[in-house]
Amino acid sequence: MANPIDSFANAQLHDRRERLESAIAEFGGTTHLARLLQEVDLALERIDKGSYGLCEACQEPIEKDRLLADPLVRLCIDHLTSEQQRALEQDLELASRIQATLLPKRNVTSHGWEVHYYYEPAGPVSGDYCDVMTSDDGGGGLYFLLGDVAGKGVAASLLMSHLHAIFRSLMALRLPVAQLAERANRVFCESTMATSFATLICGKAGPAGEVELCNAGHCHPILLRRGEVTALEATGLPLGMFSSGQYEVKRMEMAKGDSLLLYTDGLIEARNASQSEYSASRLQELAGKKEALAPQALAEACLEDLRVFLSGSAKTDDLTIMVLRRVV
C-alpha cells in the first residue's frame, strides 16, 4: 500500500511541475524557475526510489507536518543551518499570528446568549478549530463551532484554517445545521489527503433558547440544565472519513441560566506526572458544581482544576474550551 504522505506529495509535486512548465513556456526558463523545476524532479525521483521523506543528512524521517507544508523539504530540523532554523522560526511566528486572526472575539453576547472561549496551542500553532458567528438568516441567534483536526503542528494548523474557510463560505448559503455539516464534510473530504479528518461540534443557538447540535465524532458536550449534568453523545462520524457522511441533529431547549460546555481532548486527556488522565468524568463532576457560573468564570474554573490536577506537568496537546450560556 502506498504511503499516504508519498501519495499526497506525489500529487502536489506533479501539480507544481505542470505550473512550472507553464510558467517557463510563458516567461522563459529563468534560473529561478529552472532550479525549482529541478527540485521538483529530484523530489519525484526520491518518491520513485522510496527515499522520499528521509533526511539527506541522517536518513531519519523528516517531520510529517513539514513535509505536508512543503513537499520539497530534504532535511530534518536537526540538520538545518542556523539561518534556515531562524527562517523556520519566523515562518512559525507568522503562522501563529495569522491563525490568531482567524479566531472570533473572546466574548460574544448575541440574541440572549453569552459565549466565551479559551484557546491554547501546544506549540506555535494549533489544530483546534473554534468559531462563533452571528446568524444572518433572518431568524437571529448564532452559530458556534469547535473542533480538533487529527495531528499536531503546522499540518494540523493548515487543516484548521481550511475548515475555517469552508464553514465561513458555507454560512452564506443559510443551510440547516445537518446540511451544513454534511456539505462541509464533503468539501473537506474531497480537498484533503485520505488520512486527514477532524472531530467537530457544529451548533446553532436561536433567540428563543432553542439549540440545534451536530456532533461529528467530537468529545461529548456537557449540558448544564436545572441542576442536571448531561453528556451529549456524537451524532455522526468525524469530518473527512467518508464524503457521503450524514449527520443527525440533536435539538433541545435551554432556559435562562442553562449552559453548554464544549472542549477538545487536550482537556480530558491531559496526564499528570503519574500518567493519570484528567478524564471526562472529572470534568462533568466539576461542571456540575460550577454550573451557576458565567461562561468565562466556568472556563476559568475548568482551567484551574486542570492546573491543580497536573501539578506542574506540561500540557502536550492543544486545548480549547467554549461555554455557551442562556442569559434571558
C-alpha atoms as a PDB file:
ATOM      1  CA  MET A   1       0.000   0.000   0.000  1.00  0.00           C
ATOM      2  CA  ALA A   2       1.326   3.454  -0.909  1.00  0.00           C
ATOM      3  CA  ASN A   3       2.446   5.702   1.896  1.00  0.00           C
ATOM      4  CA  PRO A   4      -0.249   8.426   2.319  1.00  0.00           C
ATOM      5  CA  ILE A   5       2.436  11.111   2.664  1.00  0.00           C
ATOM      6  CA  ASP A   6       4.093   9.917  -0.567  1.00  0.00           C
ATOM      7  CA  SER A   7       0.751   9.844  -2.390  1.00  0.00           C
ATOM      8  CA  PHE A   8      -0.113  13.364  -1.255  1.00  0.00           C
ATOM      9  CA  ALA A   9       3.368  14.670  -2.085  1.00  0.00           C
ATOM     10  CA  ASN A  10       3.300  12.966  -5.495  1.00  0.00           C
ATOM     11  CA  ALA A  11       0.074  14.746  -6.425  1.00  0.00           C
ATOM     12  CA  GLN A  12       1.338  18.076  -5.107  1.00  0.00           C
ATOM     13  CA  LEU A  13       4.658  17.756  -6.910  1.00  0.00           C
ATOM     14  CA  HIS A  14       3.093  16.846 -10.263  1.00  0.00           C
ATOM     15  CA  ASP A  15       0.793  19.841  -9.924  1.00  0.00           C
ATOM     16  CA  ARG A  16       3.779  22.086  -9.201  1.00  0.00           C
ATOM     17  CA  ARG A  17       5.638  20.639 -12.169  1.00  0.00           C
ATOM     18  CA  GLU A  18       2.773  21.475 -14.542  1.00  0.00           C
ATOM     19  CA  ARG A  19       2.600  25.023 -13.181  1.00  0.00           C
ATOM     20  CA  LEU A  20       6.345  25.499 -13.538  1.00  0.00           C
ATOM     21  CA  GLU A  21       6.357  24.184 -17.108  1.00  0.00           C
ATOM     22  CA  SER A  22       3.542  26.583 -17.988  1.00  0.00           C
ATOM     23  CA  ALA A  23       5.453  29.479 -16.396  1.00  0.00           C
ATOM     24  CA  ILE A  24       8.661  28.575 -18.236  1.00  0.00           C
ATOM     25  CA  ALA A  25       6.771  28.355 -21.528  1.00  0.00           C
ATOM     26  CA  GLU A  26       5.267  31.801 -20.940  1.00  0.00           C
ATOM     27  CA  PHE A  27       8.149  33.679 -19.336  1.00  0.00           C
ATOM     28  CA  GLY A  28      11.172  31.689 -20.403  1.00  0.00           C
ATOM     29  CA  GLY A  29      13.426  29.404 -18.420  1.00  0.00           C
ATOM     30  CA  THR A  30      14.811  31.789 -15.815  1.00  0.00           C
ATOM     31  CA  THR A  31      17.440  30.461 -13.420  1.00  0.00           C
ATOM     32  CA  HIS A  32      14.956  30.545 -10.535  1.00  0.00           C
ATOM     33  CA  LEU A  33      12.226  28.627 -12.383  1.00  0.00           C
ATOM     34  CA  ALA A  34      14.728  26.107 -13.729  1.00  0.00           C
ATOM     35  CA  ARG A  35      16.071  25.490 -10.224  1.00  0.00           C
ATOM     36  CA  LEU A  36      12.552  24.973  -8.824  1.00  0.00           C
ATOM     37  CA  LEU A  37      11.746  22.521 -11.610  1.00  0.00           C
ATOM     38  CA  GLN A  38      14.925  20.597 -10.843  1.00  0.00           C
ATOM     39  CA  GLU A  39      13.993  20.404  -7.140  1.00  0.00           C
ATOM     40  CA  VAL A  40      10.549  19.072  -8.032  1.00  0.00           C
ATOM     41  CA  ASP A  41      12.042  16.439 -10.335  1.00  0.00           C
ATOM     42  CA  LEU A  42      14.511  15.357  -7.655  1.00  0.00           C
ATOM     43  CA  ALA A  43      11.669  15.012  -5.129  1.00  0.00           C
ATOM     44  CA  LEU A  44       9.676  12.885  -7.601  1.00  0.00           C
ATOM     45  CA  GLU A  45      12.783  10.774  -8.139  1.00  0.00           C
ATOM     46  CA  ARG A  46      13.075  10.210  -4.372  1.00  0.00           C
ATOM     47  CA  ILE A  47       9.462   9.013  -4.308  1.00  0.00           C
ATOM     48  CA  ASP A  48      10.208   6.519  -7.096  1.00  0.00           C
ATOM     49  CA  LYS A  49      13.277   5.256  -5.223  1.00  0.00           C
ATOM     50  CA  GLY A  50      11.442   5.005  -1.899  1.00  0.00           C
ATOM     51  CA  SER A  51      13.696   7.515  -0.137  1.00  0.00           C
ATOM     52  CA  TYR A  52      11.250  10.415  -0.056  1.00  0.00           C
ATOM     53  CA  GLY A  53      10.725  11.886   3.398  1.00  0.00           C
ATOM     54  CA  LEU A  54      14.139  10.818   4.713  1.00  0.00           C
ATOM     55  CA  CYS A  55      16.640  13.439   5.819  1.00  0.00           C
ATOM     56  CA  GLU A  56      19.556  13.592   3.400  1.00  0.00           C
ATOM     57  CA  ALA A  57      21.973  14.178   6.286  1.00  0.00           C
ATOM     58  CA  CYS A  58      20.964  11.468   8.779  1.00  0.00           C
ATOM     59  CA  GLN A  59      18.485   9.287   6.834  1.00  0.00           C
ATOM     60  CA  GLU A  60      15.932   9.666   9.636  1.00  0.00           C
ATOM     61  CA  PRO A  61      12.300  10.551   8.789  1.00  0.00           C
ATOM     62  CA  ILE A  62      11.614  14.250   8.269  1.00  0.00           C
ATOM     63  CA  GLU A  63       8.827  15.770  10.391  1.00  0.00           C
ATOM     64  CA  LYS A  64       5.488  14.956   8.705  1.00  0.00           C
ATOM     65  CA  ASP A  65       3.957  18.367   9.240  1.00  0.00           C
ATOM     66  CA  ARG A  66       6.897  19.992   7.454  1.00  0.00           C
ATOM     67  CA  LEU A  67       6.567  17.602   4.510  1.00  0.00           C
ATOM     68  CA  LEU A  68       2.861  18.338   4.246  1.00  0.00           C
ATOM     69  CA  ALA A  69       3.521  22.068   4.338  1.00  0.00           C
ATOM     70  CA  ASP A  70       6.404  21.874   1.835  1.00  0.00           C
ATOM     71  CA  PRO A  71       6.917  18.645  -0.191  1.00  0.00           C
ATOM     72  CA  LEU A  72      10.395  19.838  -1.259  1.00  0.00           C
ATOM     73  CA  VAL A  73      11.847  19.624   2.272  1.00  0.00           C
ATOM     74  CA  ARG A  74      15.022  17.496   2.293  1.00  0.00           C
ATOM     75  CA  LEU A  75      16.424  17.919   5.812  1.00  0.00           C
ATOM     76  CA  CYS A  76      15.013  17.326   9.280  1.00  0.00           C
ATOM     77  CA  ILE A  77      15.024  20.230  11.726  1.00  0.00           C
ATOM     78  CA  ASP A  78      18.157  18.966  13.484  1.00  0.00           C
ATOM     79  CA  HIS A  79      20.175  19.363  10.291  1.00  0.00           C
ATOM     80  CA  LEU A  80      19.005  22.778   9.146  1.00  0.00           C
ATOM     81  CA  THR A  81      21.591  25.534   9.101  1.00  0.00           C
ATOM     82  CA  SER A  82      21.259  28.270  11.717  1.00  0.00           C
ATOM     83  CA  GLU A  83      19.944  30.576   9.006  1.00  0.00           C
ATOM     84  CA  GLN A  84      17.345  28.018   7.929  1.00  0.00           C
ATOM     85  CA  GLN A  85      16.286  27.475  11.550  1.00  0.00           C
ATOM     86  CA  ARG A  86      15.806  31.225  12.035  1.00  0.00           C
ATOM     87  CA  ALA A  87      13.726  31.368   8.843  1.00  0.00           C
ATOM     88  CA  LEU A  88      11.595  28.452  10.094  1.00  0.00           C
ATOM     89  CA  GLU A  89      11.077  30.172  13.447  1.00  0.00           C
ATOM     90  CA  GLN A  90       9.992  33.339  11.653  1.00  0.00           C
ATOM     91  CA  ASP A  91       7.579  31.338   9.491  1.00  0.00           C
ATOM     92  CA  LEU A  92       6.061  29.700  12.570  1.00  0.00           C
ATOM     93  CA  GLU A  93       5.732  33.056  14.306  1.00  0.00           C
ATOM     94  CA  LEU A  94       3.950  34.463  11.259  1.00  0.00           C
ATOM     95  CA  ALA A  95       1.706  31.391  11.050  1.00  0.00           C
ATOM     96  CA  SER A  96       0.812  31.835  14.702  1.00  0.00           C
ATOM     97  CA  ARG A  97      -0.159  35.472  14.159  1.00  0.00           C
ATOM     98  CA  ILE A  98      -2.227  34.586  11.097  1.00  0.00           C
ATOM     99  CA  GLN A  99      -4.023  31.809  12.958  1.00  0.00           C
ATOM    100  CA  ALA A 100      -4.843  34.199  15.787  1.00  0.00           C
ATOM    101  CA  THR A 101      -6.640  36.479  13.331  1.00  0.00           C
ATOM    102  CA  LEU A 102      -8.970  33.593  12.405  1.00  0.00           C
ATOM    103  CA  LEU A 103     -10.279  33.292  15.947  1.00  0.00           C
ATOM    104  CA  PRO A 104     -13.555  35.027  16.892  1.00  0.00           C
ATOM    105  CA  LYS A 105     -13.936  37.598  19.666  1.00  0.00           C
ATOM    106  CA  ARG A 106     -13.151  36.066  23.044  1.00  0.00           C
ATOM    107  CA  ASN A 107     -16.529  37.114  24.481  1.00  0.00           C
ATOM    108  CA  VAL A 108     -19.710  37.287  22.399  1.00  0.00           C
ATOM    109  CA  THR A 109     -23.166  38.407  23.523  1.00  0.00           C
ATOM    110  CA  SER A 110     -25.979  37.971  20.999  1.00  0.00           C
ATOM    111  CA  HIS A 111     -29.728  37.256  20.978  1.00  0.00           C
ATOM    112  CA  GLY A 112     -29.871  36.279  24.652  1.00  0.00           C
ATOM    113  CA  TRP A 113     -26.687  34.218  24.630  1.00  0.00           C
ATOM    114  CA  GLU A 114     -23.231  34.721  26.095  1.00  0.00           C
ATOM    115  CA  VAL A 115     -20.242  32.824  24.712  1.00  0.00           C
ATOM    116  CA  HIS A 116     -16.683  32.700  25.988  1.00  0.00           C
ATOM    117  CA  TYR A 117     -13.787  30.519  24.831  1.00  0.00           C
ATOM    118  CA  TYR A 118     -10.213  29.754  25.867  1.00  0.00           C
ATOM    119  CA  TYR A 119      -7.735  28.711  23.159  1.00  0.00           C
ATOM    120  CA  GLU A 120      -4.224  27.434  23.921  1.00  0.00           C
ATOM    121  CA  PRO A 121      -1.971  25.845  21.260  1.00  0.00           C
ATOM    122  CA  ALA A 122       0.517  23.245  22.461  1.00  0.00           C
ATOM    123  CA  GLY A 123       3.143  24.877  20.233  1.00  0.00           C
ATOM    124  CA  PRO A 124       3.353  27.914  17.954  1.00  0.00           C
ATOM    125  CA  VAL A 125       0.211  26.860  16.050  1.00  0.00           C
ATOM    126  CA  SER A 126      -2.835  24.720  16.818  1.00  0.00           C
ATOM    127  CA  GLY A 127      -5.008  22.107  15.151  1.00  0.00           C
ATOM    128  CA  ASP A 128      -8.042  23.091  17.242  1.00  0.00           C
ATOM    129  CA  TYR A 129     -10.847  24.892  15.438  1.00  0.00           C
ATOM    130  CA  CYS A 130     -13.018  27.465  17.181  1.00  0.00           C
ATOM    131  CA  ASP A 131     -15.554  29.916  15.745  1.00  0.00           C
ATOM    132  CA  VAL A 132     -18.648  31.891  16.729  1.00  0.00           C
ATOM    133  CA  MET A 133     -20.762  33.670  14.120  1.00  0.00           C
ATOM    134  CA  THR A 134     -23.965  35.666  14.382  1.00  0.00           C
ATOM    135  CA  SER A 135     -26.648  34.197  12.129  1.00  0.00           C
ATOM    136  CA  ASP A 136     -27.725  36.338   9.167  1.00  0.00           C
ATOM    137  CA  ASP A 137     -30.609  34.114   8.046  1.00  0.00           C
ATOM    138  CA  GLY A 138     -33.213  36.484   9.430  1.00  0.00           C
ATOM    139  CA  GLY A 139     -34.078  34.265  12.392  1.00  0.00           C
ATOM    140  CA  GLY A 140     -31.436  35.615  14.751  1.00  0.00           C
ATOM    141  CA  GLY A 141     -29.227  33.591  17.032  1.00  0.00           C
ATOM    142  CA  LEU A 142     -25.706  32.440  16.419  1.00  0.00           C
ATOM    143  CA  TYR A 143     -23.605  29.538  15.136  1.00  0.00           C
ATOM    144  CA  PHE A 144     -20.897  28.031  17.317  1.00  0.00           C
ATOM    145  CA  LEU A 145     -18.232  25.575  16.188  1.00  0.00           C
ATOM    146  CA  LEU A 146     -15.449  23.766  17.991  1.00  0.00           C
ATOM    147  CA  GLY A 147     -13.287  21.009  16.559  1.00  0.00           C
ATOM    148  CA  ASP A 148      -9.988  19.197  16.580  1.00  0.00           C
ATOM    149  CA  VAL A 149      -8.004  18.262  13.475  1.00  0.00           C
ATOM    150  CA  ALA A 150      -6.103  14.975  13.672  1.00  0.00           C
ATOM    151  CA  GLY A 151      -2.406  15.573  14.194  1.00  0.00           C
ATOM    152  CA  LYS A 152      -0.381  18.466  15.520  1.00  0.00           C
ATOM    153  CA  GLY A 153       1.832  21.275  14.364  1.00  0.00           C
ATOM    154  CA  VAL A 154       1.883  23.086  11.044  1.00  0.00           C
ATOM    155  CA  ALA A 155      -0.012  20.443   9.071  1.00  0.00           C
ATOM    156  CA  ALA A 156      -2.890  20.410  11.578  1.00  0.00           C
ATOM    157  CA  SER A 157      -2.983  24.212  11.655  1.00  0.00           C
ATOM    158  CA  LEU A 158      -3.264  24.318   7.861  1.00  0.00           C
ATOM    159  CA  LEU A 159      -6.232  21.972   8.002  1.00  0.00           C
ATOM    160  CA  MET A 160      -7.749  24.065  10.795  1.00  0.00           C
ATOM    161  CA  SER A 161      -7.511  27.126   8.524  1.00  0.00           C
ATOM    162  CA  HIS A 162      -9.066  25.085   5.726  1.00  0.00           C
ATOM    163  CA  LEU A 163     -12.017  24.144   7.950  1.00  0.00           C
ATOM    164  CA  HIS A 164     -12.458  27.779   8.931  1.00  0.00           C
ATOM    165  CA  ALA A 165     -12.643  28.825   5.281  1.00  0.00           C
ATOM    166  CA  ILE A 166     -15.085  26.022   4.431  1.00  0.00           C
ATOM    167  CA  PHE A 167     -17.569  26.906   7.158  1.00  0.00           C
ATOM    168  CA  ARG A 168     -17.286  30.643   6.624  1.00  0.00           C
ATOM    169  CA  SER A 169     -18.076  30.128   2.931  1.00  0.00           C
ATOM    170  CA  LEU A 170     -20.986  27.754   3.548  1.00  0.00           C
ATOM    171  CA  MET A 171     -22.627  30.085   6.074  1.00  0.00           C
ATOM    172  CA  ALA A 172     -23.722  32.327   3.209  1.00  0.00           C
ATOM    173  CA  LEU A 173     -25.978  29.503   1.957  1.00  0.00           C
ATOM    174  CA  ARG A 174     -28.055  29.622   5.183  1.00  0.00           C
ATOM    175  CA  LEU A 175     -28.191  25.838   5.461  1.00  0.00           C
ATOM    176  CA  PRO A 176     -29.740  23.871   8.332  1.00  0.00           C
ATOM    177  CA  VAL A 177     -27.128  22.574  10.787  1.00  0.00           C
ATOM    178  CA  ALA A 178     -27.198  18.975   9.493  1.00  0.00           C
ATOM    179  CA  GLN A 179     -26.770  20.061   5.878  1.00  0.00           C
ATOM    180  CA  LEU A 180     -24.045  22.500   6.887  1.00  0.00           C
ATOM    181  CA  ALA A 181     -22.069  19.654   8.474  1.00  0.00           C
ATOM    182  CA  GLU A 182     -22.695  17.347   5.502  1.00  0.00           C
ATOM    183  CA  ARG A 183     -21.583  19.942   2.953  1.00  0.00           C
ATOM    184  CA  ALA A 184     -18.502  20.828   4.994  1.00  0.00           C
ATOM    185  CA  ASN A 185     -17.649  17.141   5.342  1.00  0.00           C
ATOM    186  CA  ARG A 186     -17.865  16.584   1.601  1.00  0.00           C
ATOM    187  CA  VAL A 187     -15.698  19.587   0.748  1.00  0.00           C
ATOM    188  CA  PHE A 188     -13.161  18.701   3.455  1.00  0.00           C
ATOM    189  CA  CYS A 189     -13.057  15.057   2.376  1.00  0.00           C
ATOM    190  CA  GLU A 190     -12.570  15.886  -1.297  1.00  0.00           C
ATOM    191  CA  SER A 191      -9.925  18.556  -0.742  1.00  0.00           C
ATOM    192  CA  THR A 192      -7.589  16.840   1.737  1.00  0.00           C
ATOM    193  CA  MET A 193      -5.497  13.682   1.796  1.00  0.00           C
ATOM    194  CA  ALA A 194      -7.154  10.412   2.787  1.00  0.00           C
ATOM    195  CA  THR A 195      -5.614  10.347   6.264  1.00  0.00           C
ATOM    196  CA  SER A 196      -6.984  13.767   7.250  1.00  0.00           C
ATOM    197  CA  PHE A 197     -10.034  14.073   9.473  1.00  0.00           C
ATOM    198  CA  ALA A 198     -11.450  16.338  12.137  1.00  0.00           C
ATOM    199  CA  THR A 199     -13.876  15.901  15.001  1.00  0.00           C
ATOM    200  CA  LEU A 200     -16.318  18.779  15.268  1.00  0.00           C
ATOM    201  CA  ILE A 201     -19.231  20.312  17.132  1.00  0.00           C
ATOM    202  CA  CYS A 202     -21.467  22.398  14.871  1.00  0.00           C
ATOM    203  CA  GLY A 203     -24.381  24.118  16.560  1.00  0.00           C
ATOM    204  CA  LYS A 204     -26.908  26.913  16.242  1.00  0.00           C
ATOM    205  CA  ALA A 205     -28.458  28.743  19.195  1.00  0.00           C
ATOM    206  CA  GLY A 206     -31.737  30.522  18.466  1.00  0.00           C
ATOM    207  CA  PRO A 207     -33.166  33.694  20.071  1.00  0.00           C
ATOM    208  CA  ALA A 208     -35.903  31.798  21.941  1.00  0.00           C
ATOM    209  CA  GLY A 209     -33.446  29.383  23.602  1.00  0.00           C
ATOM    210  CA  GLU A 210     -33.668  26.610  21.023  1.00  0.00           C
ATOM    211  CA  VAL A 211     -30.411  24.814  20.199  1.00  0.00           C
ATOM    212  CA  GLU A 212     -29.518  22.512  17.304  1.00  0.00           C
ATOM    213  CA  LEU A 213     -26.375  20.478  17.841  1.00  0.00           C
ATOM    214  CA  CYS A 214     -24.444  18.227  15.467  1.00  0.00           C
ATOM    215  CA  ASN A 215     -21.533  16.256  16.926  1.00  0.00           C
ATOM    216  CA  ALA A 216     -19.179  14.805  14.309  1.00  0.00           C
ATOM    217  CA  GLY A 217     -17.246  12.357  16.487  1.00  0.00           C
ATOM    218  CA  HIS A 218     -16.119  15.006  18.965  1.00  0.00           C
ATOM    219  CA  CYS A 219     -15.770  14.912  22.754  1.00  0.00           C
ATOM    220  CA  HIS A 220     -19.212  14.856  24.370  1.00  0.00           C
ATOM    221  CA  PRO A 221     -20.507  18.372  25.145  1.00  0.00           C
ATOM    222  CA  ILE A 222     -21.816  18.852  28.672  1.00  0.00           C
ATOM    223  CA  LEU A 223     -25.302  20.293  29.094  1.00  0.00           C
ATOM    224  CA  LEU A 224     -25.863  22.025  32.441  1.00  0.00           C
ATOM    225  CA  ARG A 225     -29.590  22.468  32.905  1.00  0.00           C
ATOM    226  CA  ARG A 226     -31.592  22.928  36.111  1.00  0.00           C
ATOM    227  CA  GLY A 227     -29.143  21.024  38.284  1.00  0.00           C
ATOM    228  CA  GLU A 228     -28.651  18.199  35.802  1.00  0.00           C
ATOM    229  CA  VAL A 229     -25.357  17.337  34.086  1.00  0.00           C
ATOM    230  CA  THR A 230     -25.793  15.556  30.743  1.00  0.00           C
ATOM    231  CA  ALA A 231     -23.078  14.418  28.330  1.00  0.00           C
ATOM    232  CA  LEU A 232     -24.370  14.646  24.742  1.00  0.00           C
ATOM    233  CA  GLU A 233     -23.159  11.813  22.522  1.00  0.00           C
ATOM    234  CA  ALA A 234     -21.915  12.077  18.946  1.00  0.00           C
ATOM    235  CA  THR A 235     -24.449  12.171  16.116  1.00  0.00           C
ATOM    236  CA  GLY A 236     -22.077  11.250  13.270  1.00  0.00           C
ATOM    237  CA  LEU A 237     -18.538  10.337  12.226  1.00  0.00           C
ATOM    238  CA  PRO A 238     -15.641  12.824  12.127  1.00  0.00           C
ATOM    239  CA  LEU A 239     -15.382  15.056   9.074  1.00  0.00           C
ATOM    240  CA  GLY A 240     -13.181  13.640   6.327  1.00  0.00           C
ATOM    241  CA  MET A 241     -13.945   9.953   6.928  1.00  0.00           C
ATOM    242  CA  PHE A 242     -16.495   9.471   4.140  1.00  0.00           C
ATOM    243  CA  SER A 243     -17.562  12.119   1.632  1.00  0.00           C
ATOM    244  CA  SER A 244     -21.182  10.918   1.733  1.00  0.00           C
ATOM    245  CA  GLY A 245     -21.434  11.008   5.530  1.00  0.00           C
ATOM    246  CA  GLN A 246     -24.764  12.058   7.013  1.00  0.00           C
ATOM    247  CA  TYR A 247     -25.300  13.805  10.341  1.00  0.00           C
ATOM    248  CA  GLU A 248     -28.205  13.864  12.733  1.00  0.00           C
ATOM    249  CA  VAL A 249     -29.060  16.910  14.811  1.00  0.00           C
ATOM    250  CA  LYS A 250     -29.938  16.917  18.493  1.00  0.00           C
ATOM    251  CA  ARG A 251     -32.492  19.606  19.413  1.00  0.00           C
ATOM    252  CA  MET A 252     -33.023  21.000  22.881  1.00  0.00           C
ATOM    253  CA  GLU A 253     -34.497  23.991  24.676  1.00  0.00           C
ATOM    254  CA  MET A 254     -32.281  25.963  27.033  1.00  0.00           C
ATOM    255  CA  ALA A 255     -33.700  28.337  29.652  1.00  0.00           C
ATOM    256  CA  LYS A 256     -32.095  31.264  31.443  1.00  0.00           C
ATOM    257  CA  GLY A 257     -29.069  30.040  33.388  1.00  0.00           C
ATOM    258  CA  ASP A 258     -28.555  26.849  31.342  1.00  0.00           C
ATOM    259  CA  SER A 259     -25.082  26.334  29.886  1.00  0.00           C
ATOM    260  CA  LEU A 260     -23.350  24.182  27.298  1.00  0.00           C
ATOM    261  CA  LEU A 261     -19.681  23.293  27.856  1.00  0.00           C
ATOM    262  CA  LEU A 262     -17.607  22.300  24.817  1.00  0.00           C
ATOM    263  CA  TYR A 263     -13.947  21.267  24.884  1.00  0.00           C
ATOM    264  CA  THR A 264     -11.235  19.427  22.957  1.00  0.00           C
ATOM    265  CA  ASP A 265      -9.430  16.304  24.104  1.00  0.00           C
ATOM    266  CA  GLY A 266      -6.477  18.401  25.220  1.00  0.00           C
ATOM    267  CA  LEU A 267      -8.515  18.920  28.395  1.00  0.00           C
ATOM    268  CA  ILE A 268      -9.873  15.483  29.290  1.00  0.00           C
ATOM    269  CA  GLU A 269      -6.843  13.524  28.001  1.00  0.00           C
ATOM    270  CA  ALA A 270      -4.252  15.637  29.827  1.00  0.00           C
ATOM    271  CA  ARG A 271      -1.995  13.476  32.019  1.00  0.00           C
ATOM    272  CA  ASN A 272      -0.154  14.301  35.221  1.00  0.00           C
ATOM    273  CA  ALA A 273       3.224  13.015  36.416  1.00  0.00           C
ATOM    274  CA  SER A 274       1.759   9.637  37.398  1.00  0.00           C
ATOM    275  CA  GLN A 275       0.210   9.308  33.913  1.00  0.00           C
ATOM    276  CA  SER A 276      -3.332   9.534  35.274  1.00  0.00           C
ATOM    277  CA  GLU A 277      -5.798  11.070  32.834  1.00  0.00           C
ATOM    278  CA  TYR A 278      -7.874  14.115  33.775  1.00  0.00           C
ATOM    279  CA  SER A 279     -10.973  12.363  32.275  1.00  0.00           C
ATOM    280  CA  ALA A 280     -14.449  13.365  31.136  1.00  0.00           C
ATOM    281  CA  SER A 281     -15.972  12.160  34.407  1.00  0.00           C
ATOM    282  CA  ARG A 282     -13.854  14.604  36.445  1.00  0.00           C
ATOM    283  CA  LEU A 283     -14.846  17.429  34.115  1.00  0.00           C
ATOM    284  CA  GLN A 284     -18.529  16.553  34.409  1.00  0.00           C
ATOM    285  CA  GLU A 285     -18.308  16.483  38.200  1.00  0.00           C
ATOM    286  CA  LEU A 286     -16.604  19.867  38.282  1.00  0.00           C
ATOM    287  CA  ALA A 287     -19.082  21.394  35.804  1.00  0.00           C
ATOM    288  CA  GLY A 288     -21.996  20.215  37.936  1.00  0.00           C
ATOM    289  CA  LYS A 289     -20.571  22.047  40.944  1.00  0.00           C
ATOM    290  CA  LYS A 290     -19.892  25.216  38.943  1.00  0.00           C
ATOM    291  CA  GLU A 291     -22.989  25.351  36.717  1.00  0.00           C
ATOM    292  CA  ALA A 292     -24.152  28.720  38.126  1.00  0.00           C
ATOM    293  CA  LEU A 293     -21.000  30.473  36.903  1.00  0.00           C
ATOM    294  CA  ALA A 294     -20.922  32.813  33.906  1.00  0.00           C
ATOM    295  CA  PRO A 295     -19.165  31.455  30.775  1.00  0.00           C
ATOM    296  CA  GLN A 296     -15.752  33.000  31.438  1.00  0.00           C
ATOM    297  CA  ALA A 297     -15.796  32.031  35.113  1.00  0.00           C
ATOM    298  CA  LEU A 298     -16.780  28.451  34.272  1.00  0.00           C
ATOM    299  CA  ALA A 299     -13.975  28.140  31.720  1.00  0.00           C
ATOM    300  CA  GLU A 300     -11.501  29.547  34.245  1.00  0.00           C
ATOM    301  CA  ALA A 301     -12.723  27.067  36.872  1.00  0.00           C
ATOM    302  CA  CYS A 302     -12.033  24.211  34.433  1.00  0.00           C
ATOM    303  CA  LEU A 303      -8.549  25.538  33.741  1.00  0.00           C
ATOM    304  CA  GLU A 304      -7.788  25.955  37.446  1.00  0.00           C
ATOM    305  CA  ASP A 305      -8.915  22.398  38.191  1.00  0.00           C
ATOM    306  CA  LEU A 306      -6.723  21.149  35.339  1.00  0.00           C
ATOM    307  CA  ARG A 307      -3.771  23.117  36.730  1.00  0.00           C
ATOM    308  CA  VAL A 308      -4.265  21.537  40.152  1.00  0.00           C
ATOM    309  CA  PHE A 309      -4.519  18.085  38.566  1.00  0.00           C
ATOM    310  CA  LEU A 310      -1.355  18.490  36.500  1.00  0.00           C
ATOM    311  CA  SER A 311       0.663  19.817  39.461  1.00  0.00           C
ATOM    312  CA  GLY A 312       3.296  21.302  37.197  1.00  0.00           C
ATOM    313  CA  SER A 313       3.255  18.652  34.446  1.00  0.00           C
ATOM    314  CA  ALA A 314       3.359  20.189  30.998  1.00  0.00           C
ATOM    315  CA  LYS A 315       0.331  20.117  28.687  1.00  0.00           C
ATOM    316  CA  THR A 316       1.204  18.244  25.489  1.00  0.00           C
ATOM    317  CA  ASP A 317      -1.876  18.835  23.321  1.00  0.00           C
ATOM    318  CA  ASP A 318      -3.814  21.799  22.009  1.00  0.00           C
ATOM    319  CA  LEU A 319      -6.545  22.879  24.416  1.00  0.00           C
ATOM    320  CA  THR A 320      -9.796  24.719  23.733  1.00  0.00           C
ATOM    321  CA  ILE A 321     -12.807  25.309  25.974  1.00  0.00           C
ATOM    322  CA  MET A 322     -16.025  27.053  24.938  1.00  0.00           C
ATOM    323  CA  VAL A 323     -19.003  27.876  27.178  1.00  0.00           C
ATOM    324  CA  LEU A 324     -22.384  28.929  25.795  1.00  0.00           C
ATOM    325  CA  ARG A 325     -24.939  30.253  28.325  1.00  0.00           C
ATOM    326  CA  ARG A 326     -28.561  31.387  28.017  1.00  0.00           C
ATOM    327  CA  VAL A 327     -28.885  34.722  29.837  1.00  0.00           C
ATOM    328  CA  VAL A 328     -32.513  35.825  29.215  1.00  0.00           C
END
